[in-house]
Structure formats: C-alpha cells, structure tokens
Amino acid sequence: MADRTASVTWSGSLMDGAGTIESVGSGAFGPLDVTWASRTEESNGRTSPEELIAAAHASCYSMALSGALAKAGSPPEKLETSATVTFVPGTGITKSAIRVRGTVPGIDEAAFLEAAEGAVEGCPVSKALAALPEITLDAALA
C-alpha cells in the first residue's frame, strides 16, 4: 500500500481567487499556481486539476501497457503517451483521450492494439476515472 499526498492553499472566490499546489509528498514538484481561468480559458503558465489528471493518466497508462507488453514477451523500447482531459464548466470532466505510439520489437500492429486496449482496463487511473462518459484510445506502432 502507498499513500500519496498533495497540499493546496486557495484564497478568494472561485472565479477571482487563486490557489497554489504548495507541495507533493515526494517533493517532485511544487509550488504550482492554479486558477479557475487556467481550467476554462488560457493556462498562462498555471496548471489545472485536469492537467494533473492527464499527466497521471498518461503515466499510469504507459506503465500498464509496458507491463502487459513485457509479460507477453515483447517489452517496448519506447512508448510515447499523451492524455487529454476535457473539462466542461457546469458539467465537469467529460473525457480522457489517450494517444500512444510504441516502438516494440517483435510485435505486429494487431497484437500491439490488443495490448493497448487491455492497458486501458488495467490502468488504475483509468479505473479511477471509470465514471467518465468517455475514455478513448488512439494507439499505433511508431
């Protein structure tokens, strides 16, 4: 079991206020500024919860796919993964779109696609996001 933590300070109203992700337990990053505008308009150097969820989804998915490919006897040389999380004001997060391109010796496109689709189900962040109306995948060998 592993617990992970993050600390945030927020001042002011939702629309006019601002926050700072002060720290994360690992010390890997922080402080990071966050505002309502960074969620709904231009980021202007500030982050958003959705951007952090996208980073978590892309990295978790890469780990799940790497593990599945290695277990099948074809460990990847490289996986290039991105996730785009869509936030709609008044509705919430509506989608996470994963895009992966893999360099995987000894595997054909069909086997890669099968592993890539399975990794969506096996990724713990995908499971945490299961309430989303849509999680999409665009996968191909490089």
C-alpha atoms as a PDB file:
ATOM      1  CA  MET A   1       0.000   0.000   0.000  1.00  0.00           C
ATOM      2  CA  ALA A   2       1.178   3.527  -0.754  1.00  0.00           C
ATOM      3  CA  ASP A   3      -0.416   6.819   0.204  1.00  0.00           C
ATOM      4  CA  ARG A   4       0.418   9.949  -1.792  1.00  0.00           C
ATOM      5  CA  THR A   5      -0.258  13.482  -0.646  1.00  0.00           C
ATOM      6  CA  ALA A   6      -0.530  16.984  -2.036  1.00  0.00           C
ATOM      7  CA  SER A   7      -1.146  20.256  -0.231  1.00  0.00           C
ATOM      8  CA  VAL A   8      -3.033  23.209  -1.728  1.00  0.00           C
ATOM      9  CA  THR A   9      -3.748  26.722  -0.486  1.00  0.00           C
ATOM     10  CA  TRP A  10      -6.658  28.678  -2.048  1.00  0.00           C
ATOM     11  CA  SER A  11      -7.530  32.333  -1.456  1.00  0.00           C
ATOM     12  CA  GLY A  12     -10.607  34.188  -2.644  1.00  0.00           C
ATOM     13  CA  SER A  13     -13.690  33.220  -4.587  1.00  0.00           C
ATOM     14  CA  LEU A  14     -13.809  30.568  -7.269  1.00  0.00           C
ATOM     15  CA  MET A  15     -13.854  32.975 -10.188  1.00  0.00           C
ATOM     16  CA  ASP A  16     -11.496  35.646  -8.858  1.00  0.00           C
ATOM     17  CA  GLY A  17      -9.368  33.666  -6.444  1.00  0.00           C
ATOM     18  CA  ALA A  18      -6.193  31.703  -6.930  1.00  0.00           C
ATOM     19  CA  GLY A  19      -4.517  28.708  -5.450  1.00  0.00           C
ATOM     20  CA  THR A  20      -1.143  27.113  -5.168  1.00  0.00           C
ATOM     21  CA  ILE A  21      -0.335  23.450  -5.109  1.00  0.00           C
ATOM     22  CA  GLU A  22       2.222  24.022  -2.371  1.00  0.00           C
ATOM     23  CA  SER A  23       3.862  20.628  -2.368  1.00  0.00           C
ATOM     24  CA  VAL A  24       3.555  16.950  -3.024  1.00  0.00           C
ATOM     25  CA  GLY A  25       4.787  14.298  -0.644  1.00  0.00           C
ATOM     26  CA  SER A  26       7.568  13.160  -2.953  1.00  0.00           C
ATOM     27  CA  GLY A  27       8.915  16.693  -3.384  1.00  0.00           C
ATOM     28  CA  ALA A  28       8.914  16.097  -7.156  1.00  0.00           C
ATOM     29  CA  PHE A  29       7.154  19.382  -7.909  1.00  0.00           C
ATOM     30  CA  GLY A  30       5.586  22.454  -6.433  1.00  0.00           C
ATOM     31  CA  PRO A  31       4.707  25.119  -5.972  1.00  0.00           C
ATOM     32  CA  LEU A  32       2.299  25.272  -8.922  1.00  0.00           C
ATOM     33  CA  ASP A  33      -0.251  28.047  -9.419  1.00  0.00           C
ATOM     34  CA  VAL A  34      -3.856  27.163 -10.230  1.00  0.00           C
ATOM     35  CA  THR A  35      -6.881  29.346 -11.054  1.00  0.00           C
ATOM     36  CA  TRP A  36     -10.380  28.968 -12.449  1.00  0.00           C
ATOM     37  CA  ALA A  37      -9.208  30.661 -15.632  1.00  0.00           C
ATOM     38  CA  SER A  38      -6.452  28.060 -16.057  1.00  0.00           C
ATOM     39  CA  ARG A  39      -9.205  25.406 -16.094  1.00  0.00           C
ATOM     40  CA  THR A  40     -11.529  27.132 -18.525  1.00  0.00           C
ATOM     41  CA  GLU A  41      -9.503  29.591 -20.622  1.00  0.00           C
ATOM     42  CA  GLU A  42      -5.809  30.011 -21.352  1.00  0.00           C
ATOM     43  CA  SER A  43      -3.446  28.452 -18.847  1.00  0.00           C
ATOM     44  CA  ASN A  44      -0.987  31.389 -18.863  1.00  0.00           C
ATOM     45  CA  GLY A  45       1.640  29.356 -17.036  1.00  0.00           C
ATOM     46  CA  ARG A  46      -0.750  27.973 -14.448  1.00  0.00           C
ATOM     47  CA  THR A  47      -1.922  24.391 -14.150  1.00  0.00           C
ATOM     48  CA  SER A  48      -5.336  22.845 -13.516  1.00  0.00           C
ATOM     49  CA  PRO A  49      -6.631  19.714 -11.836  1.00  0.00           C
ATOM     50  CA  GLU A  50      -7.404  18.340 -15.296  1.00  0.00           C
ATOM     51  CA  GLU A  51      -3.823  18.837 -16.483  1.00  0.00           C
ATOM     52  CA  LEU A  52      -2.599  16.924 -13.451  1.00  0.00           C
ATOM     53  CA  ILE A  53      -5.148  14.161 -14.093  1.00  0.00           C
ATOM     54  CA  ALA A  54      -3.939  13.995 -17.718  1.00  0.00           C
ATOM     55  CA  ALA A  55      -0.350  13.570 -16.514  1.00  0.00           C
ATOM     56  CA  ALA A  56      -1.427  10.865 -14.080  1.00  0.00           C
ATOM     57  CA  HIS A  57      -3.462   9.059 -16.738  1.00  0.00           C
ATOM     58  CA  ALA A  58      -0.700   9.141 -19.365  1.00  0.00           C
ATOM     59  CA  SER A  59       1.976   7.908 -16.975  1.00  0.00           C
ATOM     60  CA  CYS A  60      -0.199   5.201 -15.409  1.00  0.00           C
ATOM     61  CA  TYR A  61      -1.347   4.001 -18.830  1.00  0.00           C
ATOM     62  CA  SER A  62       2.276   3.819 -20.048  1.00  0.00           C
ATOM     63  CA  MET A  63       3.182   1.663 -17.060  1.00  0.00           C
ATOM     64  CA  ALA A  64       0.195  -0.642 -17.604  1.00  0.00           C
ATOM     65  CA  LEU A  65       0.968  -1.062 -21.309  1.00  0.00           C
ATOM     66  CA  SER A  66       4.688  -1.570 -20.691  1.00  0.00           C
ATOM     67  CA  GLY A  67       3.918  -4.268 -18.145  1.00  0.00           C
ATOM     68  CA  ALA A  68       1.454  -6.036 -20.428  1.00  0.00           C
ATOM     69  CA  LEU A  69       3.840  -5.991 -23.376  1.00  0.00           C
ATOM     70  CA  ALA A  70       6.725  -7.314 -21.271  1.00  0.00           C
ATOM     71  CA  LYS A  71       4.512 -10.052 -19.824  1.00  0.00           C
ATOM     72  CA  ALA A  72       3.622 -11.074 -23.398  1.00  0.00           C
ATOM     73  CA  GLY A  73       7.334 -11.334 -24.239  1.00  0.00           C
ATOM     74  CA  SER A  74       7.702  -8.049 -26.164  1.00  0.00           C
ATOM     75  CA  PRO A  75       8.943  -5.324 -23.834  1.00  0.00           C
ATOM     76  CA  PRO A  76       8.768  -1.912 -25.504  1.00  0.00           C
ATOM     77  CA  GLU A  77      11.820   0.106 -26.466  1.00  0.00           C
ATOM     78  CA  LYS A  78       9.741   3.254 -26.108  1.00  0.00           C
ATOM     79  CA  LEU A  79       6.149   4.317 -25.514  1.00  0.00           C
ATOM     80  CA  GLU A  80       5.147   7.906 -26.225  1.00  0.00           C
ATOM     81  CA  THR A  81       1.852   8.554 -24.479  1.00  0.00           C
ATOM     82  CA  SER A  82      -0.309  11.619 -24.035  1.00  0.00           C
ATOM     83  CA  ALA A  83      -3.678  12.078 -22.395  1.00  0.00           C
ATOM     84  CA  THR A  84      -6.061  14.948 -22.999  1.00  0.00           C
ATOM     85  CA  VAL A  85      -8.640  15.509 -20.273  1.00  0.00           C
ATOM     86  CA  THR A  86     -11.693  17.578 -21.238  1.00  0.00           C
ATOM     87  CA  PHE A  87     -13.355  19.832 -18.651  1.00  0.00           C
ATOM     88  CA  VAL A  88     -16.742  21.420 -19.362  1.00  0.00           C
ATOM     89  CA  PRO A  89     -17.765  24.164 -16.903  1.00  0.00           C
ATOM     90  CA  GLY A  90     -21.055  23.288 -15.268  1.00  0.00           C
ATOM     91  CA  THR A  91     -20.717  19.636 -16.264  1.00  0.00           C
ATOM     92  CA  GLY A  92     -17.276  18.540 -15.109  1.00  0.00           C
ATOM     93  CA  ILE A  93     -14.724  16.228 -16.653  1.00  0.00           C
ATOM     94  CA  THR A  94     -16.282  14.561 -19.670  1.00  0.00           C
ATOM     95  CA  LYS A  95     -13.448  12.711 -21.374  1.00  0.00           C
ATOM     96  CA  SER A  96      -9.905  11.442 -21.261  1.00  0.00           C
ATOM     97  CA  ALA A  97      -8.336  10.705 -24.639  1.00  0.00           C
ATOM     98  CA  ILE A  98      -5.176   8.594 -24.615  1.00  0.00           C
ATOM     99  CA  ARG A  99      -2.768   8.602 -27.564  1.00  0.00           C
ATOM    100  CA  VAL A 100       0.140   6.167 -27.631  1.00  0.00           C
ATOM    101  CA  ARG A 101       2.832   5.408 -30.169  1.00  0.00           C
ATOM    102  CA  GLY A 102       5.050   2.459 -29.414  1.00  0.00           C
ATOM    103  CA  THR A 103       8.363   1.138 -30.603  1.00  0.00           C
ATOM    104  CA  VAL A 104       8.033  -2.533 -29.759  1.00  0.00           C
ATOM    105  CA  PRO A 105      10.344  -5.057 -31.442  1.00  0.00           C
ATOM    106  CA  GLY A 106       8.852  -8.422 -32.346  1.00  0.00           C
ATOM    107  CA  ILE A 107       5.178  -7.461 -32.256  1.00  0.00           C
ATOM    108  CA  ASP A 108       2.680  -6.752 -35.017  1.00  0.00           C
ATOM    109  CA  GLU A 109       0.095  -3.969 -35.096  1.00  0.00           C
ATOM    110  CA  ALA A 110      -2.804  -6.255 -34.111  1.00  0.00           C
ATOM    111  CA  ALA A 111      -1.000  -7.580 -31.029  1.00  0.00           C
ATOM    112  CA  PHE A 112       0.035  -4.050 -30.059  1.00  0.00           C
ATOM    113  CA  LEU A 113      -3.544  -2.792 -30.374  1.00  0.00           C
ATOM    114  CA  GLU A 114      -4.829  -5.685 -28.267  1.00  0.00           C
ATOM    115  CA  ALA A 115      -2.288  -4.910 -25.533  1.00  0.00           C
ATOM    116  CA  ALA A 116      -3.024  -1.178 -25.801  1.00  0.00           C
ATOM    117  CA  GLU A 117      -6.771  -1.729 -25.373  1.00  0.00           C
ATOM    118  CA  GLY A 118      -6.197  -4.067 -22.441  1.00  0.00           C
ATOM    119  CA  ALA A 119      -3.968  -1.486 -20.763  1.00  0.00           C
ATOM    120  CA  VAL A 120      -6.876   0.967 -20.618  1.00  0.00           C
ATOM    121  CA  GLU A 121      -8.733  -1.565 -18.467  1.00  0.00           C
ATOM    122  CA  GLY A 122      -5.647  -2.441 -16.423  1.00  0.00           C
ATOM    123  CA  CYS A 123      -4.549   1.099 -15.623  1.00  0.00           C
ATOM    124  CA  PRO A 124      -5.541   2.067 -12.051  1.00  0.00           C
ATOM    125  CA  VAL A 125      -6.084   5.701 -13.089  1.00  0.00           C
ATOM    126  CA  SER A 126      -8.454   4.534 -15.850  1.00  0.00           C
ATOM    127  CA  LYS A 127     -10.326   2.604 -13.177  1.00  0.00           C
ATOM    128  CA  ALA A 128     -10.474   5.721 -11.005  1.00  0.00           C
ATOM    129  CA  LEU A 129     -11.871   7.623 -13.997  1.00  0.00           C
ATOM    130  CA  ALA A 130     -14.431   4.932 -14.839  1.00  0.00           C
ATOM    131  CA  ALA A 131     -17.328   7.319 -14.145  1.00  0.00           C
ATOM    132  CA  LEU A 132     -16.309   9.446 -17.136  1.00  0.00           C
ATOM    133  CA  PRO A 133     -18.695   9.323 -20.058  1.00  0.00           C
ATOM    134  CA  GLU A 134     -15.791   8.563 -22.386  1.00  0.00           C
ATOM    135  CA  ILE A 135     -12.235   7.242 -22.353  1.00  0.00           C
ATOM    136  CA  THR A 136     -10.830   6.931 -25.866  1.00  0.00           C
ATOM    137  CA  LEU A 137      -7.689   5.351 -27.238  1.00  0.00           C
ATOM    138  CA  ASP A 138      -5.628   6.078 -30.356  1.00  0.00           C
ATOM    139  CA  ALA A 139      -2.833   3.514 -30.479  1.00  0.00           C
ATOM    140  CA  ALA A 140      -0.306   2.592 -33.149  1.00  0.00           C
ATOM    141  CA  LEU A 141       3.199   1.320 -33.564  1.00  0.00           C
ATOM    142  CA  ALA A 142       5.694   4.057 -34.374  1.00  0.00           C
END
